[in-house]
């Protein structure tokens, strides 16, 4: 099914790839050359989750600003 969709729109992968590459590139840069510091899948999943959380939090701060995020956190 996915292959049929791709044949209908061959540029779909390029369109999807564009917005996703920046977060992965940034997270990979933050992780450095050592990649994951932990071993075993559950630990690596937790480490990756923390990297994604840090990326999303930093992005939210850059977009909204600290005062607005603090106000929303206090309202919750």
C-alpha atoms as a PDB file:
ATOM      1  CA  UNK A   1       0.000   0.000   0.000  1.00  0.00           C
ATOM      2  CA  UNK A   2       2.774   2.460   0.896  1.00  0.00           C
ATOM      3  CA  UNK A   3       4.633   1.502  -2.265  1.00  0.00           C
ATOM      4  CA  UNK A   4       1.535   2.305  -4.363  1.00  0.00           C
ATOM      5  CA  UNK A   5       1.220   5.715  -2.703  1.00  0.00           C
ATOM      6  CA  UNK A   6       4.887   6.395  -3.367  1.00  0.00           C
ATOM      7  CA  UNK A   7       4.447   5.527  -7.038  1.00  0.00           C
ATOM      8  CA  UNK A   8       1.573   8.008  -7.279  1.00  0.00           C
ATOM      9  CA  UNK A   9       3.636  10.780  -5.701  1.00  0.00           C
ATOM     10  CA  UNK A  10       7.382  10.133  -6.098  1.00  0.00           C
ATOM     11  CA  UNK A  11       8.313  13.435  -4.395  1.00  0.00           C
ATOM     12  CA  UNK A  12       6.472  12.498  -1.194  1.00  0.00           C
ATOM     13  CA  UNK A  13       9.582  11.160   0.516  1.00  0.00           C
ATOM     14  CA  UNK A  14      11.503  14.369  -0.175  1.00  0.00           C
ATOM     15  CA  UNK A  15       8.622  16.418   1.221  1.00  0.00           C
ATOM     16  CA  UNK A  16       8.429  14.308   4.386  1.00  0.00           C
ATOM     17  CA  UNK A  17      12.188  14.140   4.841  1.00  0.00           C
ATOM     18  CA  UNK A  18      12.723  17.912   4.889  1.00  0.00           C
ATOM     19  CA  UNK A  19      11.041  18.901   8.171  1.00  0.00           C
ATOM     20  CA  UNK A  20      12.345  15.815   9.985  1.00  0.00           C
ATOM     21  CA  UNK A  21      16.032  16.124   9.147  1.00  0.00           C
ATOM     22  CA  UNK A  22      16.701  19.206  11.289  1.00  0.00           C
ATOM     23  CA  UNK A  23      15.600  17.720  14.647  1.00  0.00           C
ATOM     24  CA  UNK A  24      17.525  14.500  14.021  1.00  0.00           C
ATOM     25  CA  UNK A  25      20.608  16.399  12.948  1.00  0.00           C
ATOM     26  CA  UNK A  26      20.455  18.654  16.001  1.00  0.00           C
ATOM     27  CA  UNK A  27      19.961  15.765  18.422  1.00  0.00           C
ATOM     28  CA  UNK A  28      22.790  13.817  16.782  1.00  0.00           C
ATOM     29  CA  UNK A  29      25.048  16.868  17.117  1.00  0.00           C
ATOM     30  CA  UNK A  30      24.159  17.192  20.821  1.00  0.00           C
ATOM     31  CA  UNK A  31      24.903  13.521  21.420  1.00  0.00           C
ATOM     32  CA  UNK A  32      28.385  13.840  19.946  1.00  0.00           C
ATOM     33  CA  UNK A  33      30.441  11.075  18.455  1.00  0.00           C
ATOM     34  CA  UNK A  34      29.739   8.646  21.298  1.00  0.00           C
ATOM     35  CA  UNK A  35      26.068   8.412  20.359  1.00  0.00           C
ATOM     36  CA  UNK A  36      24.371   6.624  23.254  1.00  0.00           C
ATOM     37  CA  UNK A  37      26.043   6.553  26.648  1.00  0.00           C
ATOM     38  CA  UNK A  38      23.873   3.703  27.917  1.00  0.00           C
ATOM     39  CA  UNK A  39      23.578   0.053  26.939  1.00  0.00           C
ATOM     40  CA  UNK A  40      20.564  -2.199  26.396  1.00  0.00           C
ATOM     41  CA  UNK A  41      17.444  -1.142  24.590  1.00  0.00           C
ATOM     42  CA  UNK A  42      15.326   0.150  27.536  1.00  0.00           C
ATOM     43  CA  UNK A  43      18.169   2.402  28.680  1.00  0.00           C
ATOM     44  CA  UNK A  44      18.855   3.666  25.160  1.00  0.00           C
ATOM     45  CA  UNK A  45      15.141   4.370  24.698  1.00  0.00           C
ATOM     46  CA  UNK A  46      15.109   6.379  27.921  1.00  0.00           C
ATOM     47  CA  UNK A  47      18.218   8.309  26.877  1.00  0.00           C
ATOM     48  CA  UNK A  48      16.718   9.097  23.466  1.00  0.00           C
ATOM     49  CA  UNK A  49      13.469  10.210  25.116  1.00  0.00           C
ATOM     50  CA  UNK A  50      15.423  12.658  27.265  1.00  0.00           C
ATOM     51  CA  UNK A  51      17.189  14.040  24.190  1.00  0.00           C
ATOM     52  CA  UNK A  52      13.855  14.518  22.400  1.00  0.00           C
ATOM     53  CA  UNK A  53      12.332  16.152  25.485  1.00  0.00           C
ATOM     54  CA  UNK A  54      15.281  18.545  25.747  1.00  0.00           C
ATOM     55  CA  UNK A  55      14.989  19.399  22.047  1.00  0.00           C
ATOM     56  CA  UNK A  56      11.251  20.077  22.308  1.00  0.00           C
ATOM     57  CA  UNK A  57      11.642  22.161  25.464  1.00  0.00           C
ATOM     58  CA  UNK A  58      14.412  24.238  23.937  1.00  0.00           C
ATOM     59  CA  UNK A  59      12.325  24.770  20.796  1.00  0.00           C
ATOM     60  CA  UNK A  60       9.305  25.833  22.855  1.00  0.00           C
ATOM     61  CA  UNK A  61      11.430  28.312  24.795  1.00  0.00           C
ATOM     62  CA  UNK A  62      12.804  29.777  21.563  1.00  0.00           C
ATOM     63  CA  UNK A  63       9.344  30.090  20.009  1.00  0.00           C
ATOM     64  CA  UNK A  64       7.227  31.201  22.982  1.00  0.00           C
ATOM     65  CA  UNK A  65       9.787  32.727  25.311  1.00  0.00           C
ATOM     66  CA  UNK A  66      10.415  31.984  28.963  1.00  0.00           C
ATOM     67  CA  UNK A  67       7.732  34.294  30.458  1.00  0.00           C
ATOM     68  CA  UNK A  68       4.908  32.708  28.455  1.00  0.00           C
ATOM     69  CA  UNK A  69       6.033  29.156  29.252  1.00  0.00           C
ATOM     70  CA  UNK A  70       6.355  29.996  32.950  1.00  0.00           C
ATOM     71  CA  UNK A  71       2.861  31.500  32.961  1.00  0.00           C
ATOM     72  CA  UNK A  72       1.430  28.395  31.308  1.00  0.00           C
ATOM     73  CA  UNK A  73       3.231  26.093  33.726  1.00  0.00           C
ATOM     74  CA  UNK A  74       1.916  28.045  36.722  1.00  0.00           C
ATOM     75  CA  UNK A  75      -1.627  27.942  35.316  1.00  0.00           C
ATOM     76  CA  UNK A  76      -1.544  24.147  34.965  1.00  0.00           C
END
